[in-house]
Protein backbone atom coordinates (compact mmCIF):
# COMPACT_ATOMS: atom_id res chain seq x y z
CA MET A 1 121.03 102.34 79.05
CA LYS A 2 120.50 104.45 81.82
CA THR A 3 122.13 102.85 85.14
CA GLU A 4 122.23 104.28 88.69
CA ASN A 5 124.42 103.09 91.90
CA TYR A 6 123.08 102.31 95.12
CA THR A 7 124.51 100.64 97.85
CA ASP A 8 122.41 99.41 100.40
CA TYR A 9 123.82 98.26 103.37
CA ARG A 10 125.35 95.00 102.07
CA SER A 11 125.92 95.60 98.56
CA LEU A 12 125.96 98.05 95.50
CA HIS A 13 124.36 97.34 92.97
CA VAL A 14 124.07 98.86 89.52
CA LEU A 15 120.43 99.37 88.90
CA LEU A 16 118.65 99.88 84.84
CA THR A 17 116.75 102.99 85.25
CA GLU A 18 115.94 102.96 81.74
CA ALA A 19 115.11 100.25 78.99
CA MET A 20 117.67 98.86 76.96
CA ASN A 21 117.64 99.92 73.38
CA GLN A 22 118.39 97.47 70.58
CA LYS A 23 122.04 97.32 70.76
CA GLU A 24 122.33 97.65 74.13
CA LEU A 25 120.71 94.25 74.40
CA GLU A 26 122.54 92.44 71.78
CA ASP A 27 125.98 93.94 73.13
CA ASN A 28 124.71 92.46 77.13
CA VAL A 29 123.45 89.17 75.13
CA ARG A 30 125.66 86.08 77.36
CA LYS A 31 127.26 83.46 75.88
CA ASP A 32 123.99 81.06 76.85
CA GLY A 33 121.90 84.11 75.05
CA THR A 34 120.25 84.90 78.26
CA ILE A 35 120.84 88.69 79.71
CA GLN A 36 120.77 89.54 83.31
CA ALA A 37 119.91 93.72 84.63
CA GLN A 38 118.80 94.45 88.48
CA VAL A 39 115.65 96.41 88.57
CA VAL A 40 113.86 98.18 90.70
CA VAL A 41 110.14 97.07 91.37
CA THR A 42 107.35 97.80 94.47
CA LEU A 43 106.49 95.52 96.60
CA GLU A 44 102.92 95.64 95.39
CA GLU A 45 103.92 94.45 92.19
CA VAL A 46 105.54 91.56 93.72
CA LEU A 47 102.44 91.68 96.11
CA ASP A 48 99.07 92.51 94.44
CA ASN A 49 99.65 90.60 91.02
CA ASP A 50 100.18 87.52 89.41
CA ILE A 51 103.38 86.43 88.04
CA ASP A 52 102.67 86.98 84.69
CA TYR A 53 101.85 91.00 85.42
CA LEU A 54 105.61 90.90 86.63
CA ASN A 55 106.84 89.42 84.26
CA ASP A 56 105.20 92.17 81.79
CA VAL A 57 107.12 94.85 84.74
CA VAL A 58 110.28 93.91 84.07
CA SER A 59 110.15 92.70 80.48
CA GLU A 60 108.94 96.57 80.05
CA LYS A 61 111.45 97.75 82.27
CA ILE A 62 114.87 95.85 80.28
CA THR A 63 113.64 95.25 77.16
CA GLY A 64 110.97 98.66 76.50
CA SER A 65 108.08 95.90 76.01
CA ILE A 66 106.07 93.04 77.71
CA VAL A 67 106.90 90.70 74.93
CA GLY A 68 110.28 91.51 74.43
CA LEU A 69 111.96 88.48 77.39
CA THR A 70 110.59 85.09 77.84
CA ASP A 71 112.29 82.40 79.97
CA ILE A 72 112.34 85.03 83.11
CA SER A 73 113.63 83.90 86.31
CA PHE A 74 114.29 86.44 89.07
CA ASN A 75 116.57 86.63 92.68
CA VAL A 76 115.68 88.83 95.13
CA ALA A 77 119.12 90.98 95.24
CA GLY A 78 118.51 93.66 97.69
CA SER A 79 115.86 96.79 99.09
CA VAL A 80 115.80 100.36 98.89
CA THR A 81 115.53 101.22 102.25
CA GLY A 82 113.03 103.23 103.41
CA THR A 83 110.89 102.32 100.87
CA ASN A 84 108.91 99.46 99.38
CA GLU A 85 110.93 98.61 96.63
CA LEU A 86 113.24 95.68 96.54
CA ILE A 87 115.95 95.08 93.52
CA LEU A 88 115.56 91.77 91.66
CA ARG A 89 117.98 90.71 89.53
CA VAL A 90 116.21 89.42 86.64
CA THR A 91 117.43 86.41 83.86
CA GLY A 92 115.53 86.03 80.35
CA THR A 93 115.90 85.31 76.56
CA VAL A 94 115.18 88.51 74.38
CA GLU A 95 113.27 88.06 71.96
CA PHE A 96 114.69 90.75 69.76
CA ASP A 97 111.41 89.95 67.08
CA ASN A 98 109.04 91.13 69.29
CA LEU A 99 110.53 94.43 70.01
C-alpha cells in the first residue's frame, strides 16, 4: 500500500496513491466490515460523470478493481491546493470475491 502525506491549509491527509493488495485490504477492514481510505479525484471525475462512474473510480483506487468495493459513501476531506482535485474520504465494504 502506497500512501502520501499531504497537508492542506487545515489538516494532514494520508492519501492512498496505489491500490491495496488483498492482505492490506484484510488488515485494514474495520470491525464493522468496512474499509476507509482517502483518495484524490479530479473535479471533472465528480462533475462530468454519474455516481456509478465515481464509485468505479474510487473502488479501483482502493481495491484495484471497479467491483471490489460496495456500499460506498463519500465525504469531502479537502482539496489539493492549486489543482482541480478533491480529497475524498471513502468508506465501503470490500468484496473479496470480486478482486
